[in-house]
């Protein structure tokens, strides 16, 4: 059985989505991530508009290079973790 990963966004992170564009802003240290990846935007939309508690269980089909790079960036900027 494959171990399932969960993407967790810290509660002090401000998130905004416009179309396929997104912005994540760490309200504590001022770091931010801006992008326009449709797959990542869909994941963030699920985080915002479901009762997910800022957590997204990453299915195997969602894993790609862009998501891996996004996860590394949120960890570096203390916006979230996996």
PDB file of N, CA and C in Angstrom:
ATOM      1  N   UNK A   1       0.839  -1.180   0.000  1.00  0.00           N
ATOM      2  CA  UNK A   1       0.000   0.000   0.000  1.00  0.00           C
ATOM      3  C   UNK A   1       0.888   1.248   0.000  1.00  0.00           C
ATOM      4  N   UNK A   2       0.595   2.172  -0.896  1.00  0.00           N
ATOM      5  CA  UNK A   2       1.386   3.385  -1.029  1.00  0.00           C
ATOM      6  C   UNK A   2       1.027   4.387   0.063  1.00  0.00           C
ATOM      7  N   UNK A   3       2.069   5.004   0.619  1.00  0.00           N
ATOM      8  CA  UNK A   3       1.862   6.029   1.637  1.00  0.00           C
ATOM      9  C   UNK A   3       1.309   7.285   0.966  1.00  0.00           C
ATOM     10  N   UNK A   4       0.235   7.834   1.527  1.00  0.00           N
ATOM     11  CA  UNK A   4      -0.382   9.032   0.954  1.00  0.00           C
ATOM     12  C   UNK A   4       0.179  10.268   1.628  1.00  0.00           C
ATOM     13  N   UNK A   5       0.539  11.255   0.816  1.00  0.00           N
ATOM     14  CA  UNK A   5       1.078  12.501   1.329  1.00  0.00           C
ATOM     15  C   UNK A   5      -0.029  13.533   1.465  1.00  0.00           C
ATOM     16  N   UNK A   6       0.162  14.457   2.393  1.00  0.00           N
ATOM     17  CA  UNK A   6      -0.797  15.537   2.586  1.00  0.00           C
ATOM     18  C   UNK A   6      -0.069  16.869   2.510  1.00  0.00           C
ATOM     19  N   UNK A   7      -0.581  17.751   1.678  1.00  0.00           N
ATOM     20  CA  UNK A   7      -0.071  19.113   1.573  1.00  0.00           C
ATOM     21  C   UNK A   7      -0.795  19.951   2.615  1.00  0.00           C
ATOM     22  N   UNK A   8      -0.029  20.610   3.475  1.00  0.00           N
ATOM     23  CA  UNK A   8      -0.614  21.408   4.547  1.00  0.00           C
ATOM     24  C   UNK A   8      -0.169  22.859   4.377  1.00  0.00           C
ATOM     25  N   UNK A   9      -1.129  23.770   4.342  1.00  0.00           N
ATOM     26  CA  UNK A   9      -0.837  25.201   4.258  1.00  0.00           C
ATOM     27  C   UNK A   9      -1.043  25.798   5.650  1.00  0.00           C
ATOM     28  N   UNK A  10      -0.065  26.553   6.113  1.00  0.00           N
ATOM     29  CA  UNK A  10      -0.161  27.154   7.446  1.00  0.00           C
ATOM     30  C   UNK A  10      -1.337  28.127   7.523  1.00  0.00           C
ATOM     31  N   UNK A  11      -2.017  28.180   8.668  1.00  0.00           N
ATOM     32  CA  UNK A  11      -3.229  29.013   8.792  1.00  0.00           C
ATOM     33  C   UNK A  11      -2.975  30.513   8.695  1.00  0.00           C
ATOM     34  N   UNK A  12      -1.744  30.960   8.866  1.00  0.00           N
ATOM     35  CA  UNK A  12      -1.448  32.383   8.758  1.00  0.00           C
ATOM     36  C   UNK A  12      -1.103  32.792   7.326  1.00  0.00           C
ATOM     37  N   UNK A  13      -1.370  31.908   6.368  1.00  0.00           N
ATOM     38  CA  UNK A  13      -1.103  32.179   4.960  1.00  0.00           C
ATOM     39  C   UNK A  13      -2.364  32.711   4.290  1.00  0.00           C
ATOM     40  N   UNK A  14      -2.237  33.831   3.612  1.00  0.00           N
ATOM     41  CA  UNK A  14      -3.329  34.413   2.834  1.00  0.00           C
ATOM     42  C   UNK A  14      -3.244  33.834   1.424  1.00  0.00           C
ATOM     43  N   UNK A  15      -4.367  33.349   0.905  1.00  0.00           N
ATOM     44  CA  UNK A  15      -4.402  32.770  -0.439  1.00  0.00           C
ATOM     45  C   UNK A  15      -5.456  33.492  -1.264  1.00  0.00           C
ATOM     46  N   UNK A  16      -5.099  33.849  -2.486  1.00  0.00           N
ATOM     47  CA  UNK A  16      -6.072  34.403  -3.420  1.00  0.00           C
ATOM     48  C   UNK A  16      -5.904  33.703  -4.763  1.00  0.00           C
ATOM     49  N   UNK A  17      -7.037  33.491  -5.428  1.00  0.00           N
ATOM     50  CA  UNK A  17      -7.069  32.840  -6.741  1.00  0.00           C
ATOM     51  C   UNK A  17      -7.861  33.698  -7.709  1.00  0.00           C
ATOM     52  N   UNK A  18      -7.324  33.868  -8.906  1.00  0.00           N
ATOM     53  CA  UNK A  18      -8.032  34.550  -9.981  1.00  0.00           C
ATOM     54  C   UNK A  18      -7.760  33.745 -11.245  1.00  0.00           C
ATOM     55  N   UNK A  19      -8.790  33.045 -11.705  1.00  0.00           N
ATOM     56  CA  UNK A  19      -8.597  32.162 -12.856  1.00  0.00           C
ATOM     57  C   UNK A  19      -7.585  31.091 -12.512  1.00  0.00           C
ATOM     58  N   UNK A  20      -6.548  30.958 -13.324  1.00  0.00           N
ATOM     59  CA  UNK A  20      -5.484  29.998 -13.054  1.00  0.00           C
ATOM     60  C   UNK A  20      -4.328  30.591 -12.281  1.00  0.00           C
ATOM     61  N   UNK A  21      -4.435  31.868 -11.907  1.00  0.00           N
ATOM     62  CA  UNK A  21      -3.369  32.546 -11.159  1.00  0.00           C
ATOM     63  C   UNK A  21      -3.613  32.406  -9.661  1.00  0.00           C
ATOM     64  N   UNK A  22      -2.514  32.329  -8.912  1.00  0.00           N
ATOM     65  CA  UNK A  22      -2.632  32.218  -7.463  1.00  0.00           C
ATOM     66  C   UNK A  22      -1.560  33.056  -6.781  1.00  0.00           C
ATOM     67  N   UNK A  23      -1.849  33.424  -5.541  1.00  0.00           N
ATOM     68  CA  UNK A  23      -0.905  34.131  -4.687  1.00  0.00           C
ATOM     69  C   UNK A  23      -1.047  33.569  -3.287  1.00  0.00           C
ATOM     70  N   UNK A  24       0.057  33.159  -2.696  1.00  0.00           N
ATOM     71  CA  UNK A  24       0.111  32.731  -1.307  1.00  0.00           C
ATOM     72  C   UNK A  24       1.038  33.694  -0.596  1.00  0.00           C
ATOM     73  N   UNK A  25       0.568  34.286   0.492  1.00  0.00           N
ATOM     74  CA  UNK A  25       1.327  35.304   1.209  1.00  0.00           C
ATOM     75  C   UNK A  25       1.443  34.909   2.673  1.00  0.00           C
ATOM     76  N   UNK A  26       2.664  34.772   3.159  1.00  0.00           N
ATOM     77  CA  UNK A  26       2.917  34.467   4.555  1.00  0.00           C
ATOM     78  C   UNK A  26       2.806  35.778   5.332  1.00  0.00           C
ATOM     79  N   UNK A  27       1.778  35.904   6.155  1.00  0.00           N
ATOM     80  CA  UNK A  27       1.514  37.156   6.865  1.00  0.00           C
ATOM     81  C   UNK A  27       2.480  37.411   8.012  1.00  0.00           C
ATOM     82  N   UNK A  28       3.306  36.422   8.346  1.00  0.00           N
ATOM     83  CA  UNK A  28       4.269  36.605   9.434  1.00  0.00           C
ATOM     84  C   UNK A  28       5.605  37.135   8.927  1.00  0.00           C
ATOM     85  N   UNK A  29       6.129  36.523   7.856  1.00  0.00           N
ATOM     86  CA  UNK A  29       7.459  36.940   7.407  1.00  0.00           C
ATOM     87  C   UNK A  29       7.470  37.683   6.066  1.00  0.00           C
ATOM     88  N   UNK A  30       6.322  37.872   5.448  1.00  0.00           N
ATOM     89  CA  UNK A  30       6.226  38.644   4.212  1.00  0.00           C
ATOM     90  C   UNK A  30       6.609  37.901   2.944  1.00  0.00           C
ATOM     91  N   UNK A  31       6.994  36.639   3.051  1.00  0.00           N
ATOM     92  CA  UNK A  31       7.327  35.845   1.865  1.00  0.00           C
ATOM     93  C   UNK A  31       6.053  35.548   1.077  1.00  0.00           C
ATOM     94  N   UNK A  32       6.186  35.389  -0.236  1.00  0.00           N
ATOM     95  CA  UNK A  32       5.014  35.066  -1.049  1.00  0.00           C
ATOM     96  C   UNK A  32       5.407  34.189  -2.227  1.00  0.00           C
ATOM     97  N   UNK A  33       4.399  33.530  -2.769  1.00  0.00           N
ATOM     98  CA  UNK A  33       4.542  32.705  -3.967  1.00  0.00           C
ATOM     99  C   UNK A  33       3.445  33.125  -4.922  1.00  0.00           C
ATOM    100  N   UNK A  34       3.839  33.427  -6.145  1.00  0.00           N
ATOM    101  CA  UNK A  34       2.888  33.811  -7.177  1.00  0.00           C
ATOM    102  C   UNK A  34       3.087  32.860  -8.343  1.00  0.00           C
ATOM    103  N   UNK A  35       1.991  32.443  -8.970  1.00  0.00           N
ATOM    104  CA  UNK A  35       2.126  31.553 -10.110  1.00  0.00           C
ATOM    105  C   UNK A  35       0.862  31.477 -10.926  1.00  0.00           C
ATOM    106  N   UNK A  36       0.926  30.684 -11.991  1.00  0.00           N
ATOM    107  CA  UNK A  36      -0.248  30.536 -12.859  1.00  0.00           C
ATOM    108  C   UNK A  36      -0.374  29.113 -13.389  1.00  0.00           C
ATOM    109  N   UNK A  37      -0.114  28.121 -12.553  1.00  0.00           N
ATOM    110  CA  UNK A  37      -0.244  26.721 -12.915  1.00  0.00           C
ATOM    111  C   UNK A  37      -1.666  26.253 -12.609  1.00  0.00           C
ATOM    112  N   UNK A  38      -2.356  25.747 -13.620  1.00  0.00           N
ATOM    113  CA  UNK A  38      -3.754  25.350 -13.462  1.00  0.00           C
ATOM    114  C   UNK A  38      -3.923  24.208 -12.466  1.00  0.00           C
ATOM    115  N   UNK A  39      -3.012  23.228 -12.463  1.00  0.00           N
ATOM    116  CA  UNK A  39      -3.100  22.100 -11.540  1.00  0.00           C
ATOM    117  C   UNK A  39      -2.960  22.568 -10.094  1.00  0.00           C
ATOM    118  N   UNK A  40      -2.006  23.437  -9.837  1.00  0.00           N
ATOM    119  CA  UNK A  40      -1.808  23.958  -8.479  1.00  0.00           C
ATOM    120  C   UNK A  40      -2.988  24.839  -8.073  1.00  0.00           C
ATOM    121  N   UNK A  41      -3.521  25.622  -9.010  1.00  0.00           N
ATOM    122  CA  UNK A  41      -4.703  26.444  -8.722  1.00  0.00           C
ATOM    123  C   UNK A  41      -5.891  25.584  -8.311  1.00  0.00           C
ATOM    124  N   UNK A  42      -6.074  24.454  -8.971  1.00  0.00           N
ATOM    125  CA  UNK A  42      -7.179  23.543  -8.618  1.00  0.00           C
ATOM    126  C   UNK A  42      -6.994  22.979  -7.213  1.00  0.00           C
ATOM    127  N   UNK A  43      -5.770  22.632  -6.869  1.00  0.00           N
ATOM    128  CA  UNK A  43      -5.489  22.118  -5.520  1.00  0.00           C
ATOM    129  C   UNK A  43      -5.780  23.197  -4.479  1.00  0.00           C
ATOM    130  N   UNK A  44      -5.322  24.416  -4.728  1.00  0.00           N
ATOM    131  CA  UNK A  44      -5.569  25.511  -3.793  1.00  0.00           C
ATOM    132  C   UNK A  44      -7.055  25.822  -3.674  1.00  0.00           C
ATOM    133  N   UNK A  45      -7.782  25.703  -4.778  1.00  0.00           N
ATOM    134  CA  UNK A  45      -9.230  25.933  -4.752  1.00  0.00           C
ATOM    135  C   UNK A  45      -9.907  24.907  -3.850  1.00  0.00           C
ATOM    136  N   UNK A  46      -9.457  23.661  -3.931  1.00  0.00           N
ATOM    137  CA  UNK A  46     -10.016  22.621  -3.047  1.00  0.00           C
ATOM    138  C   UNK A  46      -9.717  22.935  -1.588  1.00  0.00           C
ATOM    139  N   UNK A  47      -8.536  23.473  -1.327  1.00  0.00           N
ATOM    140  CA  UNK A  47      -8.190  23.855   0.047  1.00  0.00           C
ATOM    141  C   UNK A  47      -9.102  24.958   0.570  1.00  0.00           C
ATOM    142  N   UNK A  48      -9.412  25.923  -0.284  1.00  0.00           N
ATOM    143  CA  UNK A  48     -10.205  27.073   0.138  1.00  0.00           C
ATOM    144  C   UNK A  48     -11.693  26.785   0.249  1.00  0.00           C
ATOM    145  N   UNK A  49     -12.213  25.990  -0.663  1.00  0.00           N
ATOM    146  CA  UNK A  49     -13.660  25.859  -0.765  1.00  0.00           C
ATOM    147  C   UNK A  49     -14.215  24.530  -0.279  1.00  0.00           C
ATOM    148  N   UNK A  50     -13.428  23.807   0.481  1.00  0.00           N
ATOM    149  CA  UNK A  50     -13.921  22.588   1.120  1.00  0.00           C
ATOM    150  C   UNK A  50     -13.606  22.665   2.603  1.00  0.00           C
ATOM    151  N   UNK A  51     -14.136  21.757   3.353  1.00  0.00           N
ATOM    152  CA  UNK A  51     -13.866  21.706   4.788  1.00  0.00           C
ATOM    153  C   UNK A  51     -12.589  20.895   5.002  1.00  0.00           C
ATOM    154  N   UNK A  52     -11.493  21.358   4.412  1.00  0.00           N
ATOM    155  CA  UNK A  52     -10.253  20.587   4.389  1.00  0.00           C
ATOM    156  C   UNK A  52      -9.302  20.900   5.536  1.00  0.00           C
ATOM    157  N   UNK A  53      -9.594  21.955   6.299  1.00  0.00           N
ATOM    158  CA  UNK A  53      -8.707  22.394   7.373  1.00  0.00           C
ATOM    159  C   UNK A  53      -7.306  22.702   6.848  1.00  0.00           C
ATOM    160  N   UNK A  54      -7.217  23.268   5.643  1.00  0.00           N
ATOM    161  CA  UNK A  54      -5.967  23.676   5.016  1.00  0.00           C
ATOM    162  C   UNK A  54      -5.048  22.486   4.736  1.00  0.00           C
ATOM    163  N   UNK A  55      -5.667  21.326   4.469  1.00  0.00           N
ATOM    164  CA  UNK A  55      -4.899  20.127   4.171  1.00  0.00           C
ATOM    165  C   UNK A  55      -5.452  19.481   2.907  1.00  0.00           C
ATOM    166  N   UNK A  56      -4.568  19.044   2.045  1.00  0.00           N
ATOM    167  CA  UNK A  56      -4.967  18.384   0.806  1.00  0.00           C
ATOM    168  C   UNK A  56      -4.194  17.084   0.672  1.00  0.00           C
ATOM    169  N   UNK A  57      -4.917  15.962   0.623  1.00  0.00           N
ATOM    170  CA  UNK A  57      -4.289  14.658   0.417  1.00  0.00           C
ATOM    171  C   UNK A  57      -3.962  14.540  -1.065  1.00  0.00           C
ATOM    172  N   UNK A  58      -2.697  14.428  -1.380  1.00  0.00           N
ATOM    173  CA  UNK A  58      -2.219  14.477  -2.757  1.00  0.00           C
ATOM    174  C   UNK A  58      -2.349  13.094  -3.402  1.00  0.00           C
ATOM    175  N   UNK A  59      -3.312  12.933  -4.340  1.00  0.00           N
ATOM    176  CA  UNK A  59      -3.412  11.662  -5.045  1.00  0.00           C
ATOM    177  C   UNK A  59      -2.246  11.495  -6.022  1.00  0.00           C
ATOM    178  N   UNK A  60      -1.929  10.274  -6.360  1.00  0.00           N
ATOM    179  CA  UNK A  60      -0.814   9.972  -7.254  1.00  0.00           C
ATOM    180  C   UNK A  60      -0.941  10.704  -8.577  1.00  0.00           C
ATOM    181  N   UNK A  61      -2.151  10.830  -9.119  1.00  0.00           N
ATOM    182  CA  UNK A  61      -2.327  11.471 -10.422  1.00  0.00           C
ATOM    183  C   UNK A  61      -2.046  12.977 -10.394  1.00  0.00           C
ATOM    184  N   UNK A  62      -2.049  13.599  -9.208  1.00  0.00           N
ATOM    185  CA  UNK A  62      -1.748  15.033  -9.101  1.00  0.00           C
ATOM    186  C   UNK A  62      -0.254  15.315  -8.985  1.00  0.00           C
ATOM    187  N   UNK A  63       0.544  14.284  -8.725  1.00  0.00           N
ATOM    188  CA  UNK A  63       1.975  14.486  -8.525  1.00  0.00           C
ATOM    189  C   UNK A  63       2.660  14.727  -9.865  1.00  0.00           C
ATOM    190  N   UNK A  64       3.371  15.831  -9.962  1.00  0.00           N
ATOM    191  CA  UNK A  64       4.169  16.144 -11.143  1.00  0.00           C
ATOM    192  C   UNK A  64       5.313  17.058 -10.720  1.00  0.00           C
ATOM    193  N   UNK A  65       6.159  17.407 -11.661  1.00  0.00           N
ATOM    194  CA  UNK A  65       7.332  18.246 -11.365  1.00  0.00           C
ATOM    195  C   UNK A  65       6.922  19.611 -10.842  1.00  0.00           C
ATOM    196  N   UNK A  66       5.876  20.210 -11.442  1.00  0.00           N
ATOM    197  CA  UNK A  66       5.428  21.533 -10.993  1.00  0.00           C
ATOM    198  C   UNK A  66       4.966  21.500  -9.538  1.00  0.00           C
ATOM    199  N   UNK A  67       4.225  20.459  -9.170  1.00  0.00           N
ATOM    200  CA  UNK A  67       3.750  20.339  -7.791  1.00  0.00           C
ATOM    201  C   UNK A  67       4.927  20.115  -6.849  1.00  0.00           C
ATOM    202  N   UNK A  68       5.886  19.310  -7.247  1.00  0.00           N
ATOM    203  CA  UNK A  68       7.076  19.075  -6.410  1.00  0.00           C
ATOM    204  C   UNK A  68       7.843  20.376  -6.179  1.00  0.00           C
ATOM    205  N   UNK A  69       8.013  21.170  -7.218  1.00  0.00           N
ATOM    206  CA  UNK A  69       8.696  22.460  -7.081  1.00  0.00           C
ATOM    207  C   UNK A  69       7.899  23.421  -6.199  1.00  0.00           C
ATOM    208  N   UNK A  70       6.569  23.402  -6.341  1.00  0.00           N
ATOM    209  CA  UNK A  70       5.691  24.237  -5.524  1.00  0.00           C
ATOM    210  C   UNK A  70       5.831  23.860  -4.051  1.00  0.00           C
ATOM    211  N   UNK A  71       5.856  22.574  -3.763  1.00  0.00           N
ATOM    212  CA  UNK A  71       5.985  22.096  -2.386  1.00  0.00           C
ATOM    213  C   UNK A  71       7.327  22.521  -1.794  1.00  0.00           C
ATOM    214  N   UNK A  72       8.399  22.402  -2.571  1.00  0.00           N
ATOM    215  CA  UNK A  72       9.710  22.857  -2.094  1.00  0.00           C
ATOM    216  C   UNK A  72       9.689  24.348  -1.762  1.00  0.00           C
ATOM    217  N   UNK A  73       9.022  25.121  -2.606  1.00  0.00           N
ATOM    218  CA  UNK A  73       8.968  26.569  -2.389  1.00  0.00           C
ATOM    219  C   UNK A  73       8.148  26.928  -1.149  1.00  0.00           C
ATOM    220  N   UNK A  74       7.019  26.239  -0.923  1.00  0.00           N
ATOM    221  CA  UNK A  74       6.226  26.562   0.273  1.00  0.00           C
ATOM    222  C   UNK A  74       6.967  26.170   1.549  1.00  0.00           C
ATOM    223  N   UNK A  75       7.766  25.118   1.467  1.00  0.00           N
ATOM    224  CA  UNK A  75       8.568  24.735   2.638  1.00  0.00           C
ATOM    225  C   UNK A  75       9.661  25.761   2.895  1.00  0.00           C
ATOM    226  N   UNK A  76      10.337  26.220   1.857  1.00  0.00           N
ATOM    227  CA  UNK A  76      11.414  27.214   1.997  1.00  0.00           C
ATOM    228  C   UNK A  76      10.902  28.532   2.569  1.00  0.00           C
ATOM    229  N   UNK A  77       9.693  28.916   2.208  1.00  0.00           N
ATOM    230  CA  UNK A  77       9.151  30.209   2.619  1.00  0.00           C
ATOM    231  C   UNK A  77       8.245  30.110   3.849  1.00  0.00           C
ATOM    232  N   UNK A  78       8.228  28.925   4.476  1.00  0.00           N
ATOM    233  CA  UNK A  78       7.451  28.669   5.676  1.00  0.00           C
ATOM    234  C   UNK A  78       5.965  28.970   5.485  1.00  0.00           C
ATOM    235  N   UNK A  79       5.464  28.588   4.324  1.00  0.00           N
ATOM    236  CA  UNK A  79       4.041  28.770   4.004  1.00  0.00           C
ATOM    237  C   UNK A  79       3.272  27.469   4.265  1.00  0.00           C
ATOM    238  N   UNK A  80       3.957  26.345   4.202  1.00  0.00           N
ATOM    239  CA  UNK A  80       3.317  25.063   4.420  1.00  0.00           C
ATOM    240  C   UNK A  80       4.332  23.948   4.462  1.00  0.00           C
ATOM    241  N   UNK A  81       3.810  22.709   4.382  1.00  0.00           N
ATOM    242  CA  UNK A  81       4.667  21.535   4.453  1.00  0.00           C
ATOM    243  C   UNK A  81       3.938  20.346   3.842  1.00  0.00           C
ATOM    244  N   UNK A  82       4.633  19.242   3.716  1.00  0.00           N
ATOM    245  CA  UNK A  82       4.012  17.998   3.258  1.00  0.00           C
ATOM    246  C   UNK A  82       4.415  16.894   4.178  1.00  0.00           C
TER     247      UNK A  82
END
